[in-house]
Amino acid sequence: MNINRIIALTAFFCLLLGCTKSELYDNRTSKGDNQEADNSKTEVTDKEPQEPESPETEVEPEEEQVAFAITTAFNDNTPIPIKYAREGEDASPPFGWGKSPDGSSSIVIQMVDLDVGANGRIHWIMIDIDPSMNAIKENITNANIAMEAPGASQLVVYGGPNPPVGDDPHKYETTIYAIQAGATVDGNLLGVNQNQDAPANKAALEAISIDKIVITGTYER
């Protein structure tokens, strides 16, 4: 075999080997690219579609309903604090009543001990409270009433609970009356008198009132 033929065969095999390596490389590259593309598609597909965010809706607060209702320093049918008793400070309790009923000309407060005799005993009557007011502070006296409740007066000056020692708890009923127009004649409430017993005053007040609210406290010594 002459040398020219050997050189030609050697060149042929070298060329053949180079092409094969190039094809292998191209195939590997192509597979890698395809795999990355598939992975990319998978990642996009795996993401759940997101719903568009809706604007937040603000809830309008409901308007507070103001009623004709009593608030004070004790709850209904519970003991009256000693501060408001004769043996304490003998101060009148604070009272709130919300909104006076439409058509009210004044507010009246009466406190009665229901457990004294057959008719009870009046401990307090405060009259001519302006219906635009919705509360009075504690310790109303003749000295401060003009400042605390202009125009009002005490028909019976407040005297705190003072039941006999050893008695069962006495019940003290406080009623707030919304008085109708025309019930006051010559500065006096029709039928209401500090010298009358509690049932008579109660009947007179109910006859001239639009509405009333009641709370009862107890006290014992």
C-alpha atoms as a PDB file:
ATOM      1  CA  MET A   1       0.000   0.000   0.000  1.00  0.00           C
ATOM      2  CA  ASN A   2       1.540   3.245  -1.079  1.00  0.00           C
ATOM      3  CA  ILE A   3       1.857   6.176   1.216  1.00  0.00           C
ATOM      4  CA  ASN A   4      -0.688   8.338  -0.644  1.00  0.00           C
ATOM      5  CA  ARG A   5      -3.416   5.757  -0.114  1.00  0.00           C
ATOM      6  CA  ILE A   6      -2.594   5.521   3.610  1.00  0.00           C
ATOM      7  CA  ILE A   7      -2.853   9.279   3.993  1.00  0.00           C
ATOM      8  CA  ALA A   8      -6.175   9.334   2.168  1.00  0.00           C
ATOM      9  CA  LEU A   9      -7.657   6.584   4.378  1.00  0.00           C
ATOM     10  CA  THR A  10      -6.403   8.292   7.537  1.00  0.00           C
ATOM     11  CA  ALA A  11      -8.024  11.583   6.524  1.00  0.00           C
ATOM     12  CA  PHE A  12     -11.273   9.761   5.735  1.00  0.00           C
ATOM     13  CA  PHE A  13     -11.469   8.118   9.181  1.00  0.00           C
ATOM     14  CA  CYS A  14     -10.630  11.386  10.926  1.00  0.00           C
ATOM     15  CA  LEU A  15     -13.415  13.166   9.071  1.00  0.00           C
ATOM     16  CA  LEU A  16     -15.864  10.391   9.892  1.00  0.00           C
ATOM     17  CA  LEU A  17     -14.982  10.467  13.625  1.00  0.00           C
ATOM     18  CA  GLY A  18     -15.383  14.276  13.842  1.00  0.00           C
ATOM     19  CA  CYS A  19     -18.888  14.218  12.352  1.00  0.00           C
ATOM     20  CA  THR A  20     -20.029  11.527  14.791  1.00  0.00           C
ATOM     21  CA  LYS A  21     -18.858  13.578  17.833  1.00  0.00           C
ATOM     22  CA  SER A  22     -20.600  16.664  16.468  1.00  0.00           C
ATOM     23  CA  GLU A  23     -23.895  14.789  16.059  1.00  0.00           C
ATOM     24  CA  LEU A  24     -23.699  13.389  19.603  1.00  0.00           C
ATOM     25  CA  TYR A  25     -23.084  16.869  20.995  1.00  0.00           C
ATOM     26  CA  ASP A  26     -25.966  18.358  18.983  1.00  0.00           C
ATOM     27  CA  ASN A  27     -28.319  15.620  20.168  1.00  0.00           C
ATOM     28  CA  ARG A  28     -27.387  16.161  23.847  1.00  0.00           C
ATOM     29  CA  THR A  29     -27.831  19.928  23.524  1.00  0.00           C
ATOM     30  CA  SER A  30     -31.189  19.526  21.817  1.00  0.00           C
ATOM     31  CA  LYS A  31     -32.461  17.170  24.531  1.00  0.00           C
ATOM     32  CA  GLY A  32     -31.343  19.557  27.278  1.00  0.00           C
ATOM     33  CA  ASP A  33     -33.080  22.484  25.653  1.00  0.00           C
ATOM     34  CA  ASN A  34     -36.259  20.488  25.199  1.00  0.00           C
ATOM     35  CA  GLN A  35     -36.200  19.347  28.824  1.00  0.00           C
ATOM     36  CA  GLU A  36     -35.785  22.943  30.069  1.00  0.00           C
ATOM     37  CA  ALA A  37     -38.640  24.041  27.874  1.00  0.00           C
ATOM     38  CA  ASP A  38     -40.839  21.239  29.264  1.00  0.00           C
ATOM     39  CA  ASN A  39     -39.936  22.183  32.832  1.00  0.00           C
ATOM     40  CA  SER A  40     -40.763  25.789  32.097  1.00  0.00           C
ATOM     41  CA  LYS A  41     -44.152  24.752  30.746  1.00  0.00           C
ATOM     42  CA  THR A  42     -44.770  22.621  33.834  1.00  0.00           C
ATOM     43  CA  GLU A  43     -43.975  25.476  36.186  1.00  0.00           C
ATOM     44  CA  VAL A  44     -46.372  27.794  34.380  1.00  0.00           C
ATOM     45  CA  THR A  45     -49.082  25.155  34.324  1.00  0.00           C
ATOM     46  CA  ASP A  46     -48.704  24.345  38.058  1.00  0.00           C
ATOM     47  CA  LYS A  47     -49.485  27.938  39.125  1.00  0.00           C
ATOM     48  CA  GLU A  48     -53.146  28.360  40.057  1.00  0.00           C
ATOM     49  CA  PRO A  49     -54.949  31.225  38.354  1.00  0.00           C
ATOM     50  CA  GLN A  50     -55.405  34.187  40.688  1.00  0.00           C
ATOM     51  CA  GLU A  51     -58.736  35.937  40.937  1.00  0.00           C
ATOM     52  CA  PRO A  52     -58.615  39.713  40.635  1.00  0.00           C
ATOM     53  CA  GLU A  53     -58.700  41.443  44.007  1.00  0.00           C
ATOM     54  CA  SER A  54     -61.965  43.172  44.737  1.00  0.00           C
ATOM     55  CA  PRO A  55     -61.953  46.524  46.521  1.00  0.00           C
ATOM     56  CA  GLU A  56     -62.644  46.358  50.277  1.00  0.00           C
ATOM     57  CA  THR A  57     -66.171  47.266  51.302  1.00  0.00           C
ATOM     58  CA  GLU A  58     -66.520  49.411  54.415  1.00  0.00           C
ATOM     59  CA  VAL A  59     -69.426  48.511  56.682  1.00  0.00           C
ATOM     60  CA  GLU A  60     -71.335  51.524  57.842  1.00  0.00           C
ATOM     61  CA  PRO A  61     -71.805  51.463  61.658  1.00  0.00           C
ATOM     62  CA  GLU A  62     -75.403  51.273  62.774  1.00  0.00           C
ATOM     63  CA  GLU A  63     -76.699  54.339  64.506  1.00  0.00           C
ATOM     64  CA  GLU A  64     -77.039  53.832  68.243  1.00  0.00           C
ATOM     65  CA  GLN A  65     -80.640  53.697  69.253  1.00  0.00           C
ATOM     66  CA  VAL A  66     -81.249  55.990  72.267  1.00  0.00           C
ATOM     67  CA  ALA A  67     -84.146  54.796  74.418  1.00  0.00           C
ATOM     68  CA  PHE A  68     -85.958  56.104  77.471  1.00  0.00           C
ATOM     69  CA  ALA A  69     -84.173  53.837  79.960  1.00  0.00           C
ATOM     70  CA  ILE A  70     -82.643  54.170  83.429  1.00  0.00           C
ATOM     71  CA  THR A  71     -78.937  53.975  84.208  1.00  0.00           C
ATOM     72  CA  THR A  72     -77.596  54.497  87.714  1.00  0.00           C
ATOM     73  CA  ALA A  73     -74.981  53.315  90.233  1.00  0.00           C
ATOM     74  CA  PHE A  74     -76.682  49.945  90.810  1.00  0.00           C
ATOM     75  CA  ASN A  75     -78.545  47.366  88.761  1.00  0.00           C
ATOM     76  CA  ASP A  76     -82.210  46.497  89.095  1.00  0.00           C
ATOM     77  CA  ASN A  77     -82.973  44.426  92.215  1.00  0.00           C
ATOM     78  CA  THR A  78     -79.435  44.733  93.599  1.00  0.00           C
ATOM     79  CA  PRO A  79     -78.154  46.479  96.760  1.00  0.00           C
ATOM     80  CA  ILE A  80     -77.851  50.264  96.756  1.00  0.00           C
ATOM     81  CA  PRO A  81     -74.264  51.304  97.616  1.00  0.00           C
ATOM     82  CA  ILE A  82     -73.848  52.566 101.187  1.00  0.00           C
ATOM     83  CA  LYS A  83     -72.697  55.924  99.827  1.00  0.00           C
ATOM     84  CA  TYR A  84     -76.326  56.734  98.987  1.00  0.00           C
ATOM     85  CA  ALA A  85     -77.726  55.548 102.338  1.00  0.00           C
ATOM     86  CA  ARG A  86     -78.383  57.609 105.467  1.00  0.00           C
ATOM     87  CA  GLU A  87     -75.507  55.873 107.294  1.00  0.00           C
ATOM     88  CA  GLY A  88     -73.142  56.613 104.396  1.00  0.00           C
ATOM     89  CA  GLU A  89     -72.860  59.979 102.663  1.00  0.00           C
ATOM     90  CA  ASP A  90     -76.622  60.322 102.246  1.00  0.00           C
ATOM     91  CA  ALA A  91     -76.002  61.488  98.671  1.00  0.00           C
ATOM     92  CA  SER A  92     -78.653  61.080  96.005  1.00  0.00           C
ATOM     93  CA  PRO A  93     -77.627  58.563  93.316  1.00  0.00           C
ATOM     94  CA  PRO A  94     -76.839  59.687  89.782  1.00  0.00           C
ATOM     95  CA  PHE A  95     -79.511  58.872  87.219  1.00  0.00           C
ATOM     96  CA  GLY A  96     -79.560  58.800  83.434  1.00  0.00           C
ATOM     97  CA  TRP A  97     -82.636  58.206  81.306  1.00  0.00           C
ATOM     98  CA  GLY A  98     -81.474  58.346  77.699  1.00  0.00           C
ATOM     99  CA  LYS A  99     -83.808  60.418  75.511  1.00  0.00           C
ATOM    100  CA  SER A 100     -86.980  61.926  76.863  1.00  0.00           C
ATOM    101  CA  PRO A 101     -90.107  60.889  74.908  1.00  0.00           C
ATOM    102  CA  ASP A 102     -91.374  63.333  72.320  1.00  0.00           C
ATOM    103  CA  GLY A 103     -93.872  65.772  73.817  1.00  0.00           C
ATOM    104  CA  SER A 104     -92.343  65.714  77.305  1.00  0.00           C
ATOM    105  CA  SER A 105     -92.602  69.030  79.129  1.00  0.00           C
ATOM    106  CA  SER A 106     -90.506  67.966  82.119  1.00  0.00           C
ATOM    107  CA  ILE A 107     -88.980  65.001  83.963  1.00  0.00           C
ATOM    108  CA  VAL A 108     -89.859  63.944  87.528  1.00  0.00           C
ATOM    109  CA  ILE A 109     -87.958  61.499  89.763  1.00  0.00           C
ATOM    110  CA  GLN A 110     -89.604  59.824  92.769  1.00  0.00           C
ATOM    111  CA  MET A 111     -88.006  57.296  95.171  1.00  0.00           C
ATOM    112  CA  VAL A 112     -90.203  55.269  97.542  1.00  0.00           C
ATOM    113  CA  ASP A 113     -89.420  52.684 100.227  1.00  0.00           C
ATOM    114  CA  LEU A 114     -92.036  50.034  99.438  1.00  0.00           C
ATOM    115  CA  ASP A 115     -91.598  48.180 102.736  1.00  0.00           C
ATOM    116  CA  VAL A 116     -92.737  50.844 105.222  1.00  0.00           C
ATOM    117  CA  GLY A 117     -96.302  50.260 106.351  1.00  0.00           C
ATOM    118  CA  ALA A 118     -99.089  49.772 103.857  1.00  0.00           C
ATOM    119  CA  ASN A 119     -98.324  52.815 101.696  1.00  0.00           C
ATOM    120  CA  GLY A 120     -94.545  52.967 101.691  1.00  0.00           C
ATOM    121  CA  ARG A 121     -92.487  56.049 102.420  1.00  0.00           C
ATOM    122  CA  ILE A 122     -91.365  58.754  99.980  1.00  0.00           C
ATOM    123  CA  HIS A 123     -87.598  59.376 100.092  1.00  0.00           C
ATOM    124  CA  TRP A 124     -87.300  61.820  97.195  1.00  0.00           C
ATOM    125  CA  ILE A 125     -89.304  63.792  94.675  1.00  0.00           C
ATOM    126  CA  MET A 126     -87.422  65.977  92.187  1.00  0.00           C
ATOM    127  CA  ILE A 127     -89.605  67.891  89.713  1.00  0.00           C
ATOM    128  CA  ASP A 128     -89.380  70.240  86.716  1.00  0.00           C
ATOM    129  CA  ILE A 129     -86.219  68.723  85.246  1.00  0.00           C
ATOM    130  CA  ASP A 130     -85.693  70.068  81.741  1.00  0.00           C
ATOM    131  CA  PRO A 131     -86.581  67.304  79.215  1.00  0.00           C
ATOM    132  CA  SER A 132     -83.571  68.273  77.100  1.00  0.00           C
ATOM    133  CA  MET A 133     -81.385  66.848  79.869  1.00  0.00           C
ATOM    134  CA  ASN A 134     -80.670  63.116  79.848  1.00  0.00           C
ATOM    135  CA  ALA A 135     -79.017  62.694  83.265  1.00  0.00           C
ATOM    136  CA  ILE A 136     -78.355  64.205  86.659  1.00  0.00           C
ATOM    137  CA  LYS A 137     -75.210  63.863  88.741  1.00  0.00           C
ATOM    138  CA  GLU A 138     -75.104  62.348  92.213  1.00  0.00           C
ATOM    139  CA  ASN A 139     -75.587  64.356  95.422  1.00  0.00           C
ATOM    140  CA  ILE A 140     -78.247  66.809  94.282  1.00  0.00           C
ATOM    141  CA  THR A 141     -78.908  69.319  97.068  1.00  0.00           C
ATOM    142  CA  ASN A 142     -80.870  72.531  97.369  1.00  0.00           C
ATOM    143  CA  ALA A 143     -77.514  74.310  97.302  1.00  0.00           C
ATOM    144  CA  ASN A 144     -76.401  72.967  93.913  1.00  0.00           C
ATOM    145  CA  ILE A 145     -79.643  72.111  92.136  1.00  0.00           C
ATOM    146  CA  ALA A 146     -79.772  75.417  90.248  1.00  0.00           C
ATOM    147  CA  MET A 147     -76.396  74.632  88.698  1.00  0.00           C
ATOM    148  CA  GLU A 148     -76.880  70.893  88.180  1.00  0.00           C
ATOM    149  CA  ALA A 149     -80.486  71.041  86.925  1.00  0.00           C
ATOM    150  CA  PRO A 150     -81.563  74.609  86.151  1.00  0.00           C
ATOM    151  CA  GLY A 151     -85.272  75.164  86.800  1.00  0.00           C
ATOM    152  CA  ALA A 152     -85.713  71.946  88.786  1.00  0.00           C
ATOM    153  CA  SER A 153     -86.551  71.667  92.483  1.00  0.00           C
ATOM    154  CA  GLN A 154     -86.885  69.060  95.223  1.00  0.00           C
ATOM    155  CA  LEU A 155     -90.492  68.677  96.281  1.00  0.00           C
ATOM    156  CA  VAL A 156     -89.217  66.180  98.841  1.00  0.00           C
ATOM    157  CA  VAL A 157     -85.520  66.594  99.700  1.00  0.00           C
ATOM    158  CA  TYR A 158     -83.514  63.415  99.205  1.00  0.00           C
ATOM    159  CA  GLY A 159     -83.099  61.175 102.234  1.00  0.00           C
ATOM    160  CA  GLY A 160     -81.146  57.950 101.767  1.00  0.00           C
ATOM    161  CA  PRO A 161     -82.274  54.439 102.683  1.00  0.00           C
ATOM    162  CA  ASN A 162     -82.444  53.891 106.440  1.00  0.00           C
ATOM    163  CA  PRO A 163     -84.395  50.728 107.269  1.00  0.00           C
ATOM    164  CA  PRO A 164     -84.580  49.415 110.835  1.00  0.00           C
ATOM    165  CA  VAL A 165     -81.614  47.299 111.883  1.00  0.00           C
ATOM    166  CA  GLY A 166     -82.384  43.595 111.450  1.00  0.00           C
ATOM    167  CA  ASP A 167     -85.199  44.061 108.915  1.00  0.00           C
ATOM    168  CA  ASP A 168     -85.180  42.071 105.740  1.00  0.00           C
ATOM    169  CA  PRO A 169     -83.793  44.130 102.855  1.00  0.00           C
ATOM    170  CA  HIS A 170     -86.142  46.984 102.006  1.00  0.00           C
ATOM    171  CA  LYS A 171     -87.017  47.647  98.359  1.00  0.00           C
ATOM    172  CA  TYR A 172     -86.483  51.207  97.137  1.00  0.00           C
ATOM    173  CA  GLU A 173     -88.360  51.924  93.933  1.00  0.00           C
ATOM    174  CA  THR A 174     -87.206  54.869  91.818  1.00  0.00           C
ATOM    175  CA  THR A 175     -89.508  55.975  89.007  1.00  0.00           C
ATOM    176  CA  ILE A 176     -88.653  58.534  86.338  1.00  0.00           C
ATOM    177  CA  TYR A 177     -91.716  60.120  84.738  1.00  0.00           C
ATOM    178  CA  ALA A 178     -91.891  61.980  81.423  1.00  0.00           C
ATOM    179  CA  ILE A 179     -94.562  64.611  82.131  1.00  0.00           C
ATOM    180  CA  GLN A 180     -96.947  65.734  79.409  1.00  0.00           C
ATOM    181  CA  ALA A 181     -97.497  69.358  78.399  1.00  0.00           C
ATOM    182  CA  GLY A 182    -100.039  71.313  80.437  1.00  0.00           C
ATOM    183  CA  ALA A 183     -99.536  69.268  83.608  1.00  0.00           C
ATOM    184  CA  THR A 184     -97.989  72.160  85.518  1.00  0.00           C
ATOM    185  CA  VAL A 185    -100.386  74.842  86.757  1.00  0.00           C
ATOM    186  CA  ASP A 186     -99.093  77.867  88.691  1.00  0.00           C
ATOM    187  CA  GLY A 187     -95.770  76.092  89.166  1.00  0.00           C
ATOM    188  CA  ASN A 188     -97.389  72.992  90.647  1.00  0.00           C
ATOM    189  CA  LEU A 189     -97.802  69.552  89.142  1.00  0.00           C
ATOM    190  CA  LEU A 190    -101.473  68.576  89.020  1.00  0.00           C
ATOM    191  CA  GLY A 191    -102.331  66.306  91.927  1.00  0.00           C
ATOM    192  CA  VAL A 192     -98.740  66.005  93.236  1.00  0.00           C
ATOM    193  CA  ASN A 193     -98.133  67.088  96.841  1.00  0.00           C
ATOM    194  CA  GLN A 194     -95.315  66.443  99.279  1.00  0.00           C
ATOM    195  CA  ASN A 195     -97.857  65.882 102.030  1.00  0.00           C
ATOM    196  CA  GLN A 196     -99.594  63.021 100.220  1.00  0.00           C
ATOM    197  CA  ASP A 197     -98.665  59.394 100.694  1.00  0.00           C
ATOM    198  CA  ALA A 198     -96.704  57.528  98.055  1.00  0.00           C
ATOM    199  CA  PRO A 199     -99.653  55.787  96.324  1.00  0.00           C
ATOM    200  CA  ALA A 200    -101.535  59.091  95.907  1.00  0.00           C
ATOM    201  CA  ASN A 201     -98.519  60.821  94.378  1.00  0.00           C
ATOM    202  CA  LYS A 202     -97.826  57.795  92.186  1.00  0.00           C
ATOM    203  CA  ALA A 203    -101.400  57.850  90.856  1.00  0.00           C
ATOM    204  CA  ALA A 204    -101.207  61.599  90.203  1.00  0.00           C
ATOM    205  CA  LEU A 205     -97.877  61.318  88.381  1.00  0.00           C
ATOM    206  CA  GLU A 206     -99.057  58.431  86.236  1.00  0.00           C
ATOM    207  CA  ALA A 207    -102.145  60.412  85.268  1.00  0.00           C
ATOM    208  CA  ILE A 208    -100.051  63.258  83.835  1.00  0.00           C
ATOM    209  CA  SER A 209     -97.142  61.311  82.350  1.00  0.00           C
ATOM    210  CA  ILE A 210     -96.431  60.203  78.785  1.00  0.00           C
ATOM    211  CA  ASP A 211     -94.177  57.376  79.903  1.00  0.00           C
ATOM    212  CA  LYS A 212     -92.281  56.106  82.949  1.00  0.00           C
ATOM    213  CA  ILE A 213     -89.282  53.896  83.715  1.00  0.00           C
ATOM    214  CA  VAL A 214     -88.606  52.106  86.989  1.00  0.00           C
ATOM    215  CA  ILE A 215     -85.609  50.630  88.830  1.00  0.00           C
ATOM    216  CA  THR A 216     -85.591  49.004  92.270  1.00  0.00           C
ATOM    217  CA  GLY A 217     -82.633  48.820  94.653  1.00  0.00           C
ATOM    218  CA  THR A 218     -82.425  47.080  98.008  1.00  0.00           C
ATOM    219  CA  TYR A 219     -80.879  48.064 101.320  1.00  0.00           C
ATOM    220  CA  GLU A 220     -80.532  46.493 104.781  1.00  0.00           C
ATOM    221  CA  ARG A 221     -78.688  47.303 107.988  1.00  0.00           C
END
